Protein backbone atom coordinates (compact mmCIF):
# COMPACT_ATOMS: atom_id res chain seq x y z
CA MET A 1 18.36 -5.72 26.16
CA ALA A 2 20.89 -6.74 23.52
CA ALA A 3 20.49 -5.83 19.88
CA TYR A 4 18.89 -8.29 17.50
CA THR A 5 20.45 -9.74 14.36
CA LEU A 6 18.30 -10.28 11.27
CA GLY A 7 17.67 -13.89 12.30
CA THR A 8 16.68 -13.14 15.87
CA ALA A 9 14.58 -10.15 14.76
CA SER A 10 12.81 -12.43 12.30
CA GLN A 11 12.04 -14.94 15.05
CA ALA A 12 10.87 -12.22 17.45
CA THR A 13 8.45 -10.66 14.97
CA GLY A 14 7.46 -13.59 12.79
CA CYS A 15 8.51 -11.64 9.68
CA ALA A 16 10.94 -12.89 7.07
CA LYS A 17 14.54 -11.70 7.26
CA SER A 18 14.18 -10.14 3.83
CA THR A 19 11.21 -8.07 5.04
CA ILE A 20 13.23 -6.70 7.94
CA LEU A 21 16.21 -6.02 5.67
CA ARG A 22 13.98 -4.10 3.24
CA ALA A 23 12.71 -2.01 6.18
CA ILE A 24 16.31 -1.25 7.16
CA LYS A 25 17.28 -0.29 3.62
CA ALA A 26 14.14 1.85 3.26
CA GLY A 27 15.04 3.71 6.47
CA ARG A 28 12.02 2.62 8.48
CA ILE A 29 14.29 0.86 11.00
CA SER A 30 17.72 2.15 11.95
CA ALA A 31 20.37 -0.54 12.31
CA VAL A 32 24.15 -0.75 12.16
CA ARG A 33 26.54 -3.44 11.03
CA ASP A 34 28.94 -5.00 13.50
CA ASP A 35 32.57 -5.94 12.88
CA PHE A 36 31.49 -9.17 11.16
CA GLY A 37 29.03 -7.44 8.79
CA ARG A 38 25.88 -8.58 10.64
CA TRP A 39 23.05 -6.15 11.19
CA GLN A 40 22.46 -5.07 14.78
CA ILE A 41 18.89 -3.85 15.37
CA GLU A 42 17.71 -2.19 18.56
CA PRO A 43 14.53 -3.86 19.90
CA ALA A 44 12.72 -0.53 20.32
CA GLN A 45 13.35 0.29 16.64
CA LEU A 46 12.25 -3.17 15.54
CA PHE A 47 9.04 -3.30 17.58
CA HIS A 48 8.13 0.23 16.57
CA VAL A 49 7.67 -1.05 13.00
CA PHE A 50 6.87 -4.75 13.46
CA PRO A 51 4.72 -6.13 16.29
CA THR A 52 6.26 -8.69 18.57
CA LEU A 53 4.99 -12.23 18.86
CA ALA A 54 3.48 -13.13 22.24
CA ASN A 55 5.93 -15.99 22.48
CA PRO A 56 9.19 -15.36 20.56
CA ASP A 57 9.63 -19.10 20.01
CA ALA A 58 6.18 -19.38 18.43
CA THR A 59 5.65 -19.37 14.71
CA PRO A 60 3.40 -16.84 12.99
CA HIS A 61 -0.31 -17.67 12.84
CA THR A 62 -1.06 -19.57 9.62
CA GLY A 63 -4.50 -20.97 10.38
CA PRO A 64 -7.79 -19.58 9.14
CA MET A 65 -8.49 -16.00 10.14
CA GLU A 66 -11.39 -15.08 12.32
CA TRP A 67 -13.76 -12.80 10.47
CA ASP A 68 -15.47 -9.93 12.16
CA THR A 69 -17.70 -7.09 11.00
CA THR A 70 -14.75 -4.79 10.34
CA THR A 71 -13.18 -7.35 8.04
CA ASP A 72 -16.47 -7.87 6.22
CA THR A 73 -16.84 -4.12 5.75
CA LEU A 74 -13.30 -3.77 4.43
CA VAL A 75 -13.73 -6.70 2.05
CA ALA A 76 -16.96 -5.19 0.73
CA GLU A 77 -15.27 -1.81 0.21
CA LEU A 78 -12.34 -3.43 -1.60
CA ARG A 79 -14.69 -5.38 -3.85
CA ALA A 80 -16.50 -2.14 -4.71
CA VAL A 81 -13.20 -0.42 -5.53
CA ILE A 82 -12.13 -3.36 -7.71
CA ALA A 83 -15.48 -3.31 -9.53
CA ASP A 84 -15.10 0.44 -10.15
CA LEU A 85 -11.59 -0.08 -11.48
CA ARG A 86 -12.80 -2.83 -13.82
CA ARG A 87 -15.59 -0.59 -15.14
CA GLU A 88 -13.11 2.23 -15.67
CA GLN A 89 -10.74 -0.16 -17.44
CA ASP A 90 -13.58 -1.31 -19.73
CA ASP A 91 -14.46 2.31 -20.47
CA LEU A 92 -10.83 3.07 -21.34
CA ARG A 93 -10.68 0.04 -23.64
CA GLN A 94 -13.85 1.15 -25.43
CA GLU A 95 -12.49 4.67 -25.81
CA ARG A 96 -9.17 3.30 -27.12
CA ASP A 97 -11.01 1.12 -29.65
CA HIS A 98 -13.12 4.09 -30.74
CA TRP A 99 -10.07 6.29 -31.34
CA ARG A 100 -8.19 3.47 -33.07
CA ALA A 101 -11.11 2.94 -35.49
CA ALA A 102 -11.34 6.70 -36.12
CA TYR A 103 -7.61 6.81 -36.85
CA GLU A 104 -7.86 3.90 -39.27
CA ARG A 105 -10.83 5.55 -41.07
CA GLU A 106 -8.85 8.78 -41.33
CA GLN A 107 -5.82 6.93 -42.71
CA ALA A 108 -7.98 5.20 -45.33
CA ALA A 109 -9.56 8.52 -46.35
CA HIS A 110 -6.11 10.13 -46.60
CA ALA A 111 -4.82 7.28 -48.77
CA ALA A 112 -7.86 7.60 -51.07
CA THR A 113 -7.28 11.35 -51.40
CA GLN A 114 -3.62 10.78 -52.22
CA ARG A 115 -4.56 8.30 -54.94
CA LEU A 116 -6.84 10.91 -56.50
CA LEU A 117 -4.29 13.73 -56.34
CA LEU A 118 -1.10 11.95 -57.42
CA PRO A 119 -0.50 10.49 -60.88
CA GLU A 120 -0.27 6.76 -61.32
CA PRO A 121 3.26 5.46 -60.87
CA ALA A 122 5.05 4.72 -64.13
CA THR A 123 5.60 1.14 -65.15
CA ALA A 124 9.09 -0.24 -65.65
CA ALA A 125 8.74 -0.08 -69.45
CA GLU A 126 7.70 3.58 -69.31
CA ARG A 127 10.62 4.46 -67.03
CA ASP A 128 13.16 2.71 -69.27
CA ALA A 129 11.87 4.23 -72.53
CA PRO A 130 13.86 7.25 -73.73
CA ALA A 131 12.16 10.59 -73.32
CA THR A 132 11.19 12.16 -76.64
CA ARG A 133 9.21 15.13 -77.74
CA GLU A 134 6.11 14.39 -79.71
CA GLY A 135 7.01 13.77 -83.34
CA ALA A 136 10.76 14.12 -82.78
CA PRO A 137 13.00 11.10 -83.23
CA ALA A 138 14.76 9.76 -80.19
CA PRO A 139 18.42 10.74 -80.05
CA GLU A 140 20.82 7.88 -80.73
CA THR A 141 23.42 9.03 -78.23
CA PRO A 142 22.91 11.15 -75.19
CA LEU A 143 23.97 14.76 -75.50
CA LYS A 144 26.95 15.88 -73.51
CA PHE A 145 27.46 19.38 -72.30
CA TRP A 146 30.79 20.74 -71.30
CA CYS A 147 31.24 23.62 -68.93
CA TRP A 148 34.54 25.51 -68.63
């Protein structure tokens, strides 16, 4: 049988061309390019990964699925897994909120301790006033020291 192109492979399997191309690029299907740059896919490779349609001219089944006990069991298991994941996510959020509140309390306690330990910052008037010793007059001009 001749090799398939992406278009004919898509029609034969009912998959999108992009899906088949991703399988080629991922290495799940081996294919080569011809002289014109089109992918050439061997049918055995293609049908090993993607099932064939009963009628290649038919379109994929889009109607409602038939449910059976296996499907019901799988749906129930998936719902249980999702519920567990949601509970775990809620637990992680609560733990995050707990640690965030503890961090904020610790930061507030640290800031309070720093306020007790450090002197009050000087006002602008105190910073601009010349430094004098108690009882000594303020010098009129700043002293200059020369070093040789």
